[in-house]
C-alpha atoms as a PDB file:
ATOM      1  CA  MET A   1       1.641   2.087   3.746  1.00  0.00           C
ATOM      2  CA  GLN A   2      -1.727   3.614   2.880  1.00  0.00           C
ATOM      3  CA  PHE A   3      -2.579   6.511   0.607  1.00  0.00           C
ATOM      4  CA  ASN A   4      -5.145   9.038   1.776  1.00  0.00           C
ATOM      5  CA  PRO A   5      -8.528   8.248   0.152  1.00  0.00           C
ATOM      6  CA  ASP A   6      -9.157  11.990  -0.354  1.00  0.00           C
ATOM      7  CA  THR A   7      -7.587  12.595  -3.766  1.00  0.00           C
ATOM      8  CA  ASN A   8      -7.423  16.344  -3.045  1.00  0.00           C
ATOM      9  CA  VAL A   9      -4.960  15.793  -0.189  1.00  0.00           C
ATOM     10  CA  SER A  10      -1.593  14.296  -0.983  1.00  0.00           C
ATOM     11  CA  ARG A  11      -0.756  12.279   2.140  1.00  0.00           C
ATOM     12  CA  ILE A  12       0.349   8.739   2.936  1.00  0.00           C
ATOM     13  CA  PHE A  13       1.123   7.005   6.158  1.00  0.00           C
ATOM     14  CA  SER A  14       3.591   4.265   6.875  1.00  0.00           C
ATOM     15  CA  THR A  15       4.116   2.057   9.884  1.00  0.00           C
ATOM     16  CA  ALA A  16       7.372   0.602  11.115  1.00  0.00           C
ATOM     17  CA  ARG A  17       8.678  -2.021  13.492  1.00  0.00           C
ATOM     18  CA  ASP A  18       9.403   0.706  16.026  1.00  0.00           C
ATOM     19  CA  ASN A  19       5.586   1.037  16.451  1.00  0.00           C
ATOM     20  CA  THR A  20       5.518   4.472  14.918  1.00  0.00           C
ATOM     21  CA  LEU A  21       3.064   5.706  12.341  1.00  0.00           C
ATOM     22  CA  ARG A  22       4.539   8.397  10.109  1.00  0.00           C
ATOM     23  CA  ILE A  23       2.618  10.694   7.794  1.00  0.00           C
ATOM     24  CA  TRP A  24       4.290  11.918   4.618  1.00  0.00           C
ATOM     25  CA  ASP A  25       3.599  14.218   1.707  1.00  0.00           C
ATOM     26  CA  PRO A  26       4.529  12.133  -1.366  1.00  0.00           C
ATOM     27  CA  ASP A  27       4.712  15.273  -3.508  1.00  0.00           C
ATOM     28  CA  ASP A  28       7.529  16.664  -1.348  1.00  0.00           C
ATOM     29  CA  VAL A  29      10.775  15.964  -3.217  1.00  0.00           C
ATOM     30  CA  GLU A  30      12.710  15.924   0.074  1.00  0.00           C
ATOM     31  CA  ALA A  31      10.253  13.339   1.494  1.00  0.00           C
ATOM     32  CA  ASN A  32       9.976  15.169   4.791  1.00  0.00           C
ATOM     33  CA  GLU A  33       7.929  13.525   7.480  1.00  0.00           C
ATOM     34  CA  LEU A  34       4.911  15.655   8.430  1.00  0.00           C
ATOM     35  CA  LEU A  35       3.887  13.919  11.627  1.00  0.00           C
ATOM     36  CA  GLN A  36       4.791  10.992  13.821  1.00  0.00           C
ATOM     37  CA  ILE A  37       2.292   9.127  15.999  1.00  0.00           C
ATOM     38  CA  THR A  38       3.531   6.821  18.744  1.00  0.00           C
ATOM     39  CA  GLY A  39       1.714   4.844  21.380  1.00  0.00           C
ATOM     40  CA  SER A  40       2.427   3.140  24.641  1.00  0.00           C
ATOM     41  CA  SER A  41       2.603  -0.348  23.123  1.00  0.00           C
ATOM     42  CA  LYS A  42       2.771  -2.219  19.813  1.00  0.00           C
ATOM     43  CA  LEU A  43       0.786  -0.689  16.942  1.00  0.00           C
ATOM     44  CA  ILE A  44      -1.510  -3.434  15.660  1.00  0.00           C
ATOM     45  CA  TYR A  45      -3.766  -1.578  13.219  1.00  0.00           C
ATOM     46  CA  ALA A  46      -4.111   1.775  11.490  1.00  0.00           C
ATOM     47  CA  THR A  47      -6.416   3.060   8.782  1.00  0.00           C
ATOM     48  CA  TRP A  48      -7.630   6.270   7.195  1.00  0.00           C
ATOM     49  CA  GLY A  49     -11.233   7.258   7.789  1.00  0.00           C
ATOM     50  CA  PRO A  50     -13.467   6.949   4.727  1.00  0.00           C
ATOM     51  CA  LYS A  51     -13.107  10.647   3.818  1.00  0.00           C
ATOM     52  CA  GLY A  52      -9.374  10.787   4.566  1.00  0.00           C
ATOM     53  CA  HIS A  53      -9.690  13.360   7.331  1.00  0.00           C
ATOM     54  CA  ARG A  54      -8.970  11.027  10.254  1.00  0.00           C
ATOM     55  CA  ILE A  55      -6.690   8.135  11.154  1.00  0.00           C
ATOM     56  CA  LEU A  56      -7.687   5.386  13.560  1.00  0.00           C
ATOM     57  CA  THR A  57      -4.872   3.633  15.436  1.00  0.00           C
ATOM     58  CA  CYS A  58      -5.179   0.535  17.622  1.00  0.00           C
ATOM     59  CA  TRP A  59      -2.495  -0.552  20.061  1.00  0.00           C
ATOM     60  CA  LYS A  60      -1.776  -3.911  21.676  1.00  0.00           C
ATOM     61  CA  ASP A  61      -2.529  -2.531  25.166  1.00  0.00           C
ATOM     62  CA  GLY A  62      -6.155  -2.015  24.050  1.00  0.00           C
ATOM     63  CA  VAL A  63      -5.934   1.724  23.437  1.00  0.00           C
ATOM     64  CA  VAL A  64      -7.684   3.054  20.335  1.00  0.00           C
ATOM     65  CA  ARG A  65      -6.989   6.612  19.178  1.00  0.00           C
ATOM     66  CA  LEU A  66      -8.724   8.745  16.600  1.00  0.00           C
ATOM     67  CA  HIS A  67      -6.534  11.453  15.056  1.00  0.00           C
ATOM     68  CA  GLU A  68      -7.777  14.436  13.073  1.00  0.00           C
ATOM     69  CA  THR A  69      -5.498  14.982  10.080  1.00  0.00           C
ATOM     70  CA  LEU A  70      -6.183  18.668   9.400  1.00  0.00           C
ATOM     71  CA  PRO A  71      -5.124  20.075  11.849  1.00  0.00           C
ATOM     72  CA  TRP A  72      -3.058  17.218  13.215  1.00  0.00           C
ATOM     73  CA  GLU A  73      -4.417  16.357  16.647  1.00  0.00           C
ATOM     74  CA  GLU A  74      -5.684  13.446  18.693  1.00  0.00           C
ATOM     75  CA  LEU A  75      -9.478  13.617  18.929  1.00  0.00           C
ATOM     76  CA  ALA A  76     -10.246  10.725  21.224  1.00  0.00           C
ATOM     77  CA  GLN A  77      -8.786   7.776  23.055  1.00  0.00           C
ATOM     78  CA  VAL A  78     -10.582   4.803  24.511  1.00  0.00           C
ATOM     79  CA  GLY A  79      -9.666   1.589  26.226  1.00  0.00           C
ATOM     80  CA  ASP A  80      -6.994   0.063  28.283  1.00  0.00           C
ATOM     81  CA  ASP A  81      -7.790  -3.663  28.201  1.00  0.00           C
ATOM     82  CA  PHE A  82      -9.636  -4.780  25.084  1.00  0.00           C
ATOM     83  CA  SER A  83      -8.260  -8.197  24.236  1.00  0.00           C
ATOM     84  CA  ASP A  84     -10.674  -8.587  21.316  1.00  0.00           C
ATOM     85  CA  MET A  85     -10.024  -5.101  19.877  1.00  0.00           C
ATOM     86  CA  THR A  86      -8.525  -6.451  16.650  1.00  0.00           C
ATOM     87  CA  ASP A  87     -11.714  -8.404  15.938  1.00  0.00           C
ATOM     88  CA  ARG A  88     -13.858  -5.364  16.727  1.00  0.00           C
ATOM     89  CA  ILE A  89     -11.866  -3.207  14.322  1.00  0.00           C
ATOM     90  CA  ARG A  90     -12.090  -5.818  11.559  1.00  0.00           C
ATOM     91  CA  ARG A  91     -15.869  -6.050  11.956  1.00  0.00           C
ATOM     92  CA  TRP A  92     -16.158  -2.250  11.922  1.00  0.00           C
ATOM     93  CA  ARG A  93     -14.066  -2.023   8.771  1.00  0.00           C
ATOM     94  CA  GLU A  94     -16.093  -4.732   7.008  1.00  0.00           C
ATOM     95  CA  LYS A  95     -19.300  -2.787   7.642  1.00  0.00           C
ATOM     96  CA  ARG A  96     -17.961   0.394   5.984  1.00  0.00           C
END
């Protein structure tokens, strides 16, 4: 689970064993799910962008997706066979 780094937007995301990323509004007393992101394989990594306006997801099949959070839409997708994608993402995150 990760909280959105933008303190003006009340959003969190959670990941589950079913390889689904779910976005929630923690201020909603009914805890309704706002959005669900699924991929074609196992979800191996997800993170908010530094300003909290985007979510990056990485999947075991090498696909990386960038999602805009307001409005909710997929901005870009790359890859289909990046065996070292996890290492690339870690290096990218360390540089932020």
